[in-house]
Amino acid sequence: MQIANPVYDSVFDFMLEDEKVLKSFVSAAIKKEVLTLDKNSFYCNFRNCEGKQLEEQDPVYWLYSNANIVDDDGSEKNVVIEVKKSKFNSDILRFRDRHRCRRPGSYTKTWPIYTIMIIEDGIDAPESPLLVSSYVIEDVISNTTLPSAPLLDLMPDLNDIKWIFQICYIEQNSSEIERLMSLFKRENGYVIDVNEEDFPESYRSVLQRLHAALENENVRSEMEKE
């Protein structure tokens, strides 16, 4: 099967327009099942730039949506899902304030933000394909780590977690998620030959959507302009 390279914003956006594919992609990235996405909360800067090319408006592809997920303990949890993609880490750092997500809910209740960051050239951090930044609550005076549950009940935004994919450090496809994210390499070219059997069943909808992107004349044309 031939697919379009998702490293290009036009292809990545086409891929995530499909709700089933978006749920599959997010579930794979954060290793938690996504039950529902709230269409009414959905926002994507790529689809709201009034005819301008993304690079004229913003160097960072940015999407967010309210979601209901299954947490590690089996309970359901409301979160905000953010997806950010850029070629350079400096772009995401430079524009982080502009991309600060509007939290849904009342003034007394907020939802944690789960952010998936896809950076082609990586960041100044350990040379790992995937880093996870999560909360740790410490008592600075006693230099001890505290149980997080009481504070998280009062301040759910302390639950904010970031998954950082450093594409430049993906060399071996030793895990399922590395196999998927290895597609996001510019050196792969515009068109990638893949064997569906090399990917788990849960990723097949992503591959099929990328195949559809390749056959879409508008997407292919925009991809070749990037």
C-alpha atoms as a PDB file:
ATOM      1  CA  MET A   1       0.000   0.000   0.000  1.00  0.00           C
ATOM      2  CA  GLN A   2       1.149   3.530  -0.782  1.00  0.00           C
ATOM      3  CA  ILE A   3       0.335   6.341   1.635  1.00  0.00           C
ATOM      4  CA  ALA A   4       0.975  10.071   1.854  1.00  0.00           C
ATOM      5  CA  ASN A   5       3.596  11.221   4.354  1.00  0.00           C
ATOM      6  CA  PRO A   6       1.823  12.613   7.465  1.00  0.00           C
ATOM      7  CA  VAL A   7       4.768  14.891   8.293  1.00  0.00           C
ATOM      8  CA  TYR A   8       3.217  17.393   5.877  1.00  0.00           C
ATOM      9  CA  ASP A   9       0.518  19.528   7.498  1.00  0.00           C
ATOM     10  CA  SER A  10      -1.987  19.145   4.671  1.00  0.00           C
ATOM     11  CA  VAL A  11      -1.779  15.350   4.944  1.00  0.00           C
ATOM     12  CA  PHE A  12      -1.786  15.342   8.753  1.00  0.00           C
ATOM     13  CA  ASP A  13      -4.867  17.565   8.795  1.00  0.00           C
ATOM     14  CA  PHE A  14      -6.678  15.349   6.276  1.00  0.00           C
ATOM     15  CA  MET A  15      -5.809  12.343   8.408  1.00  0.00           C
ATOM     16  CA  LEU A  16      -7.226  13.870  11.590  1.00  0.00           C
ATOM     17  CA  GLU A  17     -10.411  15.156   9.933  1.00  0.00           C
ATOM     18  CA  ASP A  18     -11.737  11.611  10.261  1.00  0.00           C
ATOM     19  CA  GLU A  19     -13.053  11.248  13.832  1.00  0.00           C
ATOM     20  CA  LYS A  20     -12.359   7.492  13.971  1.00  0.00           C
ATOM     21  CA  VAL A  21      -8.776   8.064  12.861  1.00  0.00           C
ATOM     22  CA  LEU A  22      -8.307  10.947  15.314  1.00  0.00           C
ATOM     23  CA  LYS A  23      -9.503   8.733  18.168  1.00  0.00           C
ATOM     24  CA  SER A  24      -7.189   5.905  17.050  1.00  0.00           C
ATOM     25  CA  PHE A  25      -4.202   8.229  16.737  1.00  0.00           C
ATOM     26  CA  VAL A  26      -4.722   9.871  20.135  1.00  0.00           C
ATOM     27  CA  SER A  27      -5.351   6.508  21.809  1.00  0.00           C
ATOM     28  CA  ALA A  28      -2.089   5.161  20.359  1.00  0.00           C
ATOM     29  CA  ALA A  29      -0.116   8.228  21.429  1.00  0.00           C
ATOM     30  CA  ILE A  30      -1.269   8.402  25.063  1.00  0.00           C
ATOM     31  CA  LYS A  31      -1.946   4.665  25.515  1.00  0.00           C
ATOM     32  CA  LYS A  32      -5.442   5.316  26.807  1.00  0.00           C
ATOM     33  CA  GLU A  33      -8.731   4.511  25.099  1.00  0.00           C
ATOM     34  CA  VAL A  34     -10.560   7.564  23.765  1.00  0.00           C
ATOM     35  CA  LEU A  35     -14.291   6.953  24.106  1.00  0.00           C
ATOM     36  CA  THR A  36     -15.710  10.156  22.646  1.00  0.00           C
ATOM     37  CA  LEU A  37     -14.649  13.475  21.168  1.00  0.00           C
ATOM     38  CA  ASP A  38     -16.845  16.548  21.551  1.00  0.00           C
ATOM     39  CA  LYS A  39     -17.406  17.925  18.048  1.00  0.00           C
ATOM     40  CA  ASN A  40     -18.785  21.181  19.458  1.00  0.00           C
ATOM     41  CA  SER A  41     -15.488  21.903  21.215  1.00  0.00           C
ATOM     42  CA  PHE A  42     -13.334  21.003  18.224  1.00  0.00           C
ATOM     43  CA  TYR A  43     -10.861  23.610  16.940  1.00  0.00           C
ATOM     44  CA  CYS A  44      -7.988  23.438  14.467  1.00  0.00           C
ATOM     45  CA  ASN A  45      -5.925  26.439  13.345  1.00  0.00           C
ATOM     46  CA  PHE A  46      -5.159  24.807   9.983  1.00  0.00           C
ATOM     47  CA  ARG A  47      -8.846  24.766   9.048  1.00  0.00           C
ATOM     48  CA  ASN A  48      -9.544  28.317  10.207  1.00  0.00           C
ATOM     49  CA  CYS A  49      -6.906  30.368   8.422  1.00  0.00           C
ATOM     50  CA  GLU A  50      -9.289  31.882   5.841  1.00  0.00           C
ATOM     51  CA  GLY A  51      -7.515  30.629   2.754  1.00  0.00           C
ATOM     52  CA  LYS A  52      -4.009  31.527   3.890  1.00  0.00           C
ATOM     53  CA  GLN A  53      -1.260  28.944   3.926  1.00  0.00           C
ATOM     54  CA  LEU A  54      -0.468  27.664   7.407  1.00  0.00           C
ATOM     55  CA  GLU A  55       3.103  28.976   7.316  1.00  0.00           C
ATOM     56  CA  GLU A  56       1.751  32.503   6.704  1.00  0.00           C
ATOM     57  CA  GLN A  57      -0.412  32.269   9.794  1.00  0.00           C
ATOM     58  CA  ASP A  58       1.319  29.985  12.254  1.00  0.00           C
ATOM     59  CA  PRO A  59       4.319  27.601  12.053  1.00  0.00           C
ATOM     60  CA  VAL A  60       2.699  25.194  14.518  1.00  0.00           C
ATOM     61  CA  TYR A  61      -0.146  22.869  13.559  1.00  0.00           C
ATOM     62  CA  TRP A  62      -2.531  22.921  16.508  1.00  0.00           C
ATOM     63  CA  LEU A  63      -5.757  21.025  17.212  1.00  0.00           C
ATOM     64  CA  TYR A  64      -7.799  20.525  20.341  1.00  0.00           C
ATOM     65  CA  SER A  65     -11.008  18.868  21.427  1.00  0.00           C
ATOM     66  CA  ASN A  66     -12.780  17.920  24.628  1.00  0.00           C
ATOM     67  CA  ALA A  67     -12.713  14.157  25.118  1.00  0.00           C
ATOM     68  CA  ASN A  68     -13.813  11.352  27.382  1.00  0.00           C
ATOM     69  CA  ILE A  69     -11.122   8.712  27.992  1.00  0.00           C
ATOM     70  CA  VAL A  70     -10.575   5.566  30.033  1.00  0.00           C
ATOM     71  CA  ASP A  71      -7.899   6.201  32.663  1.00  0.00           C
ATOM     72  CA  ASP A  72      -5.352   3.645  33.871  1.00  0.00           C
ATOM     73  CA  ASP A  73      -7.586   2.588  36.767  1.00  0.00           C
ATOM     74  CA  GLY A  74     -10.493   1.863  34.398  1.00  0.00           C
ATOM     75  CA  SER A  75     -12.492   4.973  35.304  1.00  0.00           C
ATOM     76  CA  GLU A  76     -13.785   7.441  32.737  1.00  0.00           C
ATOM     77  CA  LYS A  77     -12.232  10.903  32.719  1.00  0.00           C
ATOM     78  CA  ASN A  78     -12.971  14.194  30.938  1.00  0.00           C
ATOM     79  CA  VAL A  79      -9.889  15.843  29.461  1.00  0.00           C
ATOM     80  CA  VAL A  80      -8.880  18.332  26.792  1.00  0.00           C
ATOM     81  CA  ILE A  81      -6.818  16.741  24.022  1.00  0.00           C
ATOM     82  CA  GLU A  82      -4.264  18.962  22.294  1.00  0.00           C
ATOM     83  CA  VAL A  83      -2.218  17.928  19.279  1.00  0.00           C
ATOM     84  CA  LYS A  84       0.703  20.123  18.225  1.00  0.00           C
ATOM     85  CA  LYS A  85       3.119  19.488  15.362  1.00  0.00           C
ATOM     86  CA  SER A  86       6.068  21.555  14.194  1.00  0.00           C
ATOM     87  CA  LYS A  87       9.327  21.151  12.340  1.00  0.00           C
ATOM     88  CA  PHE A  88      11.384  23.026  14.942  1.00  0.00           C
ATOM     89  CA  ASN A  89      11.110  22.934  18.723  1.00  0.00           C
ATOM     90  CA  SER A  90      11.683  26.705  18.804  1.00  0.00           C
ATOM     91  CA  ASP A  91       8.336  27.227  17.068  1.00  0.00           C
ATOM     92  CA  ILE A  92       6.364  25.376  19.736  1.00  0.00           C
ATOM     93  CA  LEU A  93       8.247  27.172  22.515  1.00  0.00           C
ATOM     94  CA  ARG A  94       7.829  30.561  20.854  1.00  0.00           C
ATOM     95  CA  PHE A  95       4.096  30.179  20.298  1.00  0.00           C
ATOM     96  CA  ARG A  96       3.158  28.290  23.472  1.00  0.00           C
ATOM     97  CA  ASP A  97       1.235  31.236  24.964  1.00  0.00           C
ATOM     98  CA  ARG A  98      -0.835  31.732  21.829  1.00  0.00           C
ATOM     99  CA  HIS A  99      -1.746  28.058  21.939  1.00  0.00           C
ATOM    100  CA  ARG A 100      -2.807  28.001  25.568  1.00  0.00           C
ATOM    101  CA  CYS A 101      -6.037  26.059  25.392  1.00  0.00           C
ATOM    102  CA  ARG A 102      -9.330  27.508  26.553  1.00  0.00           C
ATOM    103  CA  ARG A 103     -10.415  25.154  29.304  1.00  0.00           C
ATOM    104  CA  PRO A 104     -14.061  24.066  29.121  1.00  0.00           C
ATOM    105  CA  GLY A 105     -16.354  23.847  32.116  1.00  0.00           C
ATOM    106  CA  SER A 106     -17.399  26.184  34.884  1.00  0.00           C
ATOM    107  CA  TYR A 107     -15.240  28.564  36.883  1.00  0.00           C
ATOM    108  CA  THR A 108     -15.084  26.025  39.715  1.00  0.00           C
ATOM    109  CA  LYS A 109     -14.208  22.997  37.600  1.00  0.00           C
ATOM    110  CA  THR A 110     -11.503  22.609  34.976  1.00  0.00           C
ATOM    111  CA  TRP A 111     -10.353  19.685  32.889  1.00  0.00           C
ATOM    112  CA  PRO A 112      -6.723  18.594  32.585  1.00  0.00           C
ATOM    113  CA  ILE A 113      -5.009  19.093  29.239  1.00  0.00           C
ATOM    114  CA  TYR A 114      -3.318  16.124  27.587  1.00  0.00           C
ATOM    115  CA  THR A 115      -0.940  17.471  24.948  1.00  0.00           C
ATOM    116  CA  ILE A 116       0.620  15.418  22.144  1.00  0.00           C
ATOM    117  CA  MET A 117       3.635  17.241  20.696  1.00  0.00           C
ATOM    118  CA  ILE A 118       5.218  16.024  17.454  1.00  0.00           C
ATOM    119  CA  ILE A 119       8.555  17.742  16.795  1.00  0.00           C
ATOM    120  CA  GLU A 120      10.699  16.814  13.816  1.00  0.00           C
ATOM    121  CA  ASP A 121      14.054  18.051  15.082  1.00  0.00           C
ATOM    122  CA  GLY A 122      13.521  17.202  18.756  1.00  0.00           C
ATOM    123  CA  ILE A 123      14.270  19.342  21.774  1.00  0.00           C
ATOM    124  CA  ASP A 124      17.278  19.880  24.015  1.00  0.00           C
ATOM    125  CA  ALA A 125      16.492  16.789  26.040  1.00  0.00           C
ATOM    126  CA  PRO A 126      17.478  13.114  26.240  1.00  0.00           C
ATOM    127  CA  GLU A 127      17.717  11.517  22.803  1.00  0.00           C
ATOM    128  CA  SER A 128      14.574   9.455  23.192  1.00  0.00           C
ATOM    129  CA  PRO A 129      11.777   9.037  20.624  1.00  0.00           C
ATOM    130  CA  LEU A 130       9.122   9.647  23.284  1.00  0.00           C
ATOM    131  CA  LEU A 131       9.214  11.671  26.476  1.00  0.00           C
ATOM    132  CA  VAL A 132       6.333  12.095  28.932  1.00  0.00           C
ATOM    133  CA  SER A 133       6.130  15.129  31.196  1.00  0.00           C
ATOM    134  CA  SER A 134       3.682  14.672  34.077  1.00  0.00           C
ATOM    135  CA  TYR A 135       2.928  16.196  37.434  1.00  0.00           C
ATOM    136  CA  VAL A 136       4.892  15.601  40.613  1.00  0.00           C
ATOM    137  CA  ILE A 137       3.826  17.358  43.831  1.00  0.00           C
ATOM    138  CA  GLU A 138       6.618  17.977  46.323  1.00  0.00           C
ATOM    139  CA  ASP A 139       6.840  19.528  49.761  1.00  0.00           C
ATOM    140  CA  VAL A 140       9.860  21.750  49.190  1.00  0.00           C
ATOM    141  CA  ILE A 141      10.449  22.370  52.911  1.00  0.00           C
ATOM    142  CA  SER A 142      10.629  18.691  53.867  1.00  0.00           C
ATOM    143  CA  ASN A 143      11.927  17.606  50.443  1.00  0.00           C
ATOM    144  CA  THR A 144       9.324  14.854  50.148  1.00  0.00           C
ATOM    145  CA  THR A 145       6.926  13.776  47.411  1.00  0.00           C
ATOM    146  CA  LEU A 146       3.283  14.066  48.429  1.00  0.00           C
ATOM    147  CA  PRO A 147       0.232  11.982  47.500  1.00  0.00           C
ATOM    148  CA  SER A 148      -1.339  13.818  44.592  1.00  0.00           C
ATOM    149  CA  ALA A 149      -4.985  12.800  44.957  1.00  0.00           C
ATOM    150  CA  PRO A 150      -6.214  15.497  47.411  1.00  0.00           C
ATOM    151  CA  LEU A 151      -4.692  18.375  45.455  1.00  0.00           C
ATOM    152  CA  LEU A 152      -5.796  17.002  42.092  1.00  0.00           C
ATOM    153  CA  ASP A 153      -9.380  16.842  43.308  1.00  0.00           C
ATOM    154  CA  LEU A 154      -9.206  20.553  44.137  1.00  0.00           C
ATOM    155  CA  MET A 155      -7.035  21.579  41.153  1.00  0.00           C
ATOM    156  CA  PRO A 156      -7.591  19.180  38.227  1.00  0.00           C
ATOM    157  CA  ASP A 157      -5.364  21.284  35.952  1.00  0.00           C
ATOM    158  CA  LEU A 158      -2.388  19.848  37.862  1.00  0.00           C
ATOM    159  CA  ASN A 159      -3.151  16.706  35.859  1.00  0.00           C
ATOM    160  CA  ASP A 160      -1.769  18.319  32.664  1.00  0.00           C
ATOM    161  CA  ILE A 161       0.501  15.829  30.888  1.00  0.00           C
ATOM    162  CA  LYS A 162       2.619  16.158  27.728  1.00  0.00           C
ATOM    163  CA  TRP A 163       3.696  13.373  25.377  1.00  0.00           C
ATOM    164  CA  ILE A 164       6.661  14.612  23.318  1.00  0.00           C
ATOM    165  CA  PHE A 165       7.520  12.675  20.149  1.00  0.00           C
ATOM    166  CA  GLN A 166      11.022  13.502  18.870  1.00  0.00           C
ATOM    167  CA  ILE A 167      10.890  12.252  15.295  1.00  0.00           C
ATOM    168  CA  CYS A 168      14.623  12.691  14.650  1.00  0.00           C
ATOM    169  CA  TYR A 169      15.431  10.061  17.308  1.00  0.00           C
ATOM    170  CA  ILE A 170      13.193   7.327  15.927  1.00  0.00           C
ATOM    171  CA  GLU A 171      15.629   4.833  14.432  1.00  0.00           C
ATOM    172  CA  GLN A 172      14.299   1.395  15.278  1.00  0.00           C
ATOM    173  CA  ASN A 173      10.675   0.319  15.098  1.00  0.00           C
ATOM    174  CA  SER A 174      10.928  -1.701  18.287  1.00  0.00           C
ATOM    175  CA  SER A 175       7.466  -0.717  19.534  1.00  0.00           C
ATOM    176  CA  GLU A 176       4.103  -0.245  17.864  1.00  0.00           C
ATOM    177  CA  ILE A 177       4.002   3.508  18.481  1.00  0.00           C
ATOM    178  CA  GLU A 178       7.536   3.948  17.073  1.00  0.00           C
ATOM    179  CA  ARG A 179       6.435   2.067  13.954  1.00  0.00           C
ATOM    180  CA  LEU A 180       3.574   4.501  13.494  1.00  0.00           C
ATOM    181  CA  MET A 181       5.545   7.663  14.280  1.00  0.00           C
ATOM    182  CA  SER A 182       8.422   6.601  11.994  1.00  0.00           C
ATOM    183  CA  LEU A 183       6.107   7.553   9.124  1.00  0.00           C
ATOM    184  CA  PHE A 184       6.573  11.212  10.178  1.00  0.00           C
ATOM    185  CA  LYS A 185      10.021  11.522   8.603  1.00  0.00           C
ATOM    186  CA  ARG A 186      10.641  14.028   5.848  1.00  0.00           C
ATOM    187  CA  GLU A 187      13.312  11.809   4.300  1.00  0.00           C
ATOM    188  CA  ASN A 188      10.568   9.268   3.550  1.00  0.00           C
ATOM    189  CA  GLY A 189       9.502  11.556   0.706  1.00  0.00           C
ATOM    190  CA  TYR A 190       5.960  12.431  -0.239  1.00  0.00           C
ATOM    191  CA  VAL A 191       4.873   8.830  -0.855  1.00  0.00           C
ATOM    192  CA  ILE A 192       5.618   5.907   1.467  1.00  0.00           C
ATOM    193  CA  ASP A 193       5.275   2.206   0.677  1.00  0.00           C
ATOM    194  CA  VAL A 194       3.945   0.302   3.683  1.00  0.00           C
ATOM    195  CA  ASN A 195       2.770  -3.205   4.435  1.00  0.00           C
ATOM    196  CA  GLU A 196      -0.432  -3.107   6.456  1.00  0.00           C
ATOM    197  CA  GLU A 197       0.494  -6.412   8.071  1.00  0.00           C
ATOM    198  CA  ASP A 198       3.455  -4.705   9.754  1.00  0.00           C
ATOM    199  CA  PHE A 199       1.056  -2.568  11.804  1.00  0.00           C
ATOM    200  CA  PRO A 200      -1.436  -3.587  14.498  1.00  0.00           C
ATOM    201  CA  GLU A 201      -5.106  -3.741  13.593  1.00  0.00           C
ATOM    202  CA  SER A 202      -5.835  -0.597  15.603  1.00  0.00           C
ATOM    203  CA  TYR A 203      -3.613   1.449  13.239  1.00  0.00           C
ATOM    204  CA  ARG A 204      -5.170   0.226   9.991  1.00  0.00           C
ATOM    205  CA  SER A 205      -7.705   3.069   9.858  1.00  0.00           C
ATOM    206  CA  VAL A 206      -4.814   5.563  10.067  1.00  0.00           C
ATOM    207  CA  LEU A 207      -3.016   3.896   7.141  1.00  0.00           C
ATOM    208  CA  GLN A 208      -6.203   3.755   5.085  1.00  0.00           C
ATOM    209  CA  ARG A 209      -6.836   7.454   5.710  1.00  0.00           C
ATOM    210  CA  LEU A 210      -3.265   8.279   4.612  1.00  0.00           C
ATOM    211  CA  HIS A 211      -3.851   6.200   1.480  1.00  0.00           C
ATOM    212  CA  ALA A 212      -6.997   8.239   0.818  1.00  0.00           C
ATOM    213  CA  ALA A 213      -4.959  11.430   1.298  1.00  0.00           C
ATOM    214  CA  LEU A 214      -2.592  10.313  -1.444  1.00  0.00           C
ATOM    215  CA  GLU A 215      -5.512   9.795  -3.828  1.00  0.00           C
ATOM    216  CA  ASN A 216      -7.026  13.197  -3.009  1.00  0.00           C
ATOM    217  CA  GLU A 217      -5.808  15.652  -5.649  1.00  0.00           C
ATOM    218  CA  ASN A 218      -6.189  18.731  -3.440  1.00  0.00           C
ATOM    219  CA  VAL A 219      -4.297  17.200  -0.520  1.00  0.00           C
ATOM    220  CA  ARG A 220      -1.550  15.885  -2.773  1.00  0.00           C
ATOM    221  CA  SER A 221      -1.187  19.277  -4.453  1.00  0.00           C
ATOM    222  CA  GLU A 222      -0.931  21.083  -1.102  1.00  0.00           C
ATOM    223  CA  MET A 223       1.526  18.492   0.196  1.00  0.00           C
ATOM    224  CA  GLU A 224       3.864  19.034  -2.742  1.00  0.00           C
ATOM    225  CA  LYS A 225       3.824  22.804  -2.110  1.00  0.00           C
ATOM    226  CA  GLU A 226       5.074  22.423   1.462  1.00  0.00           C
END
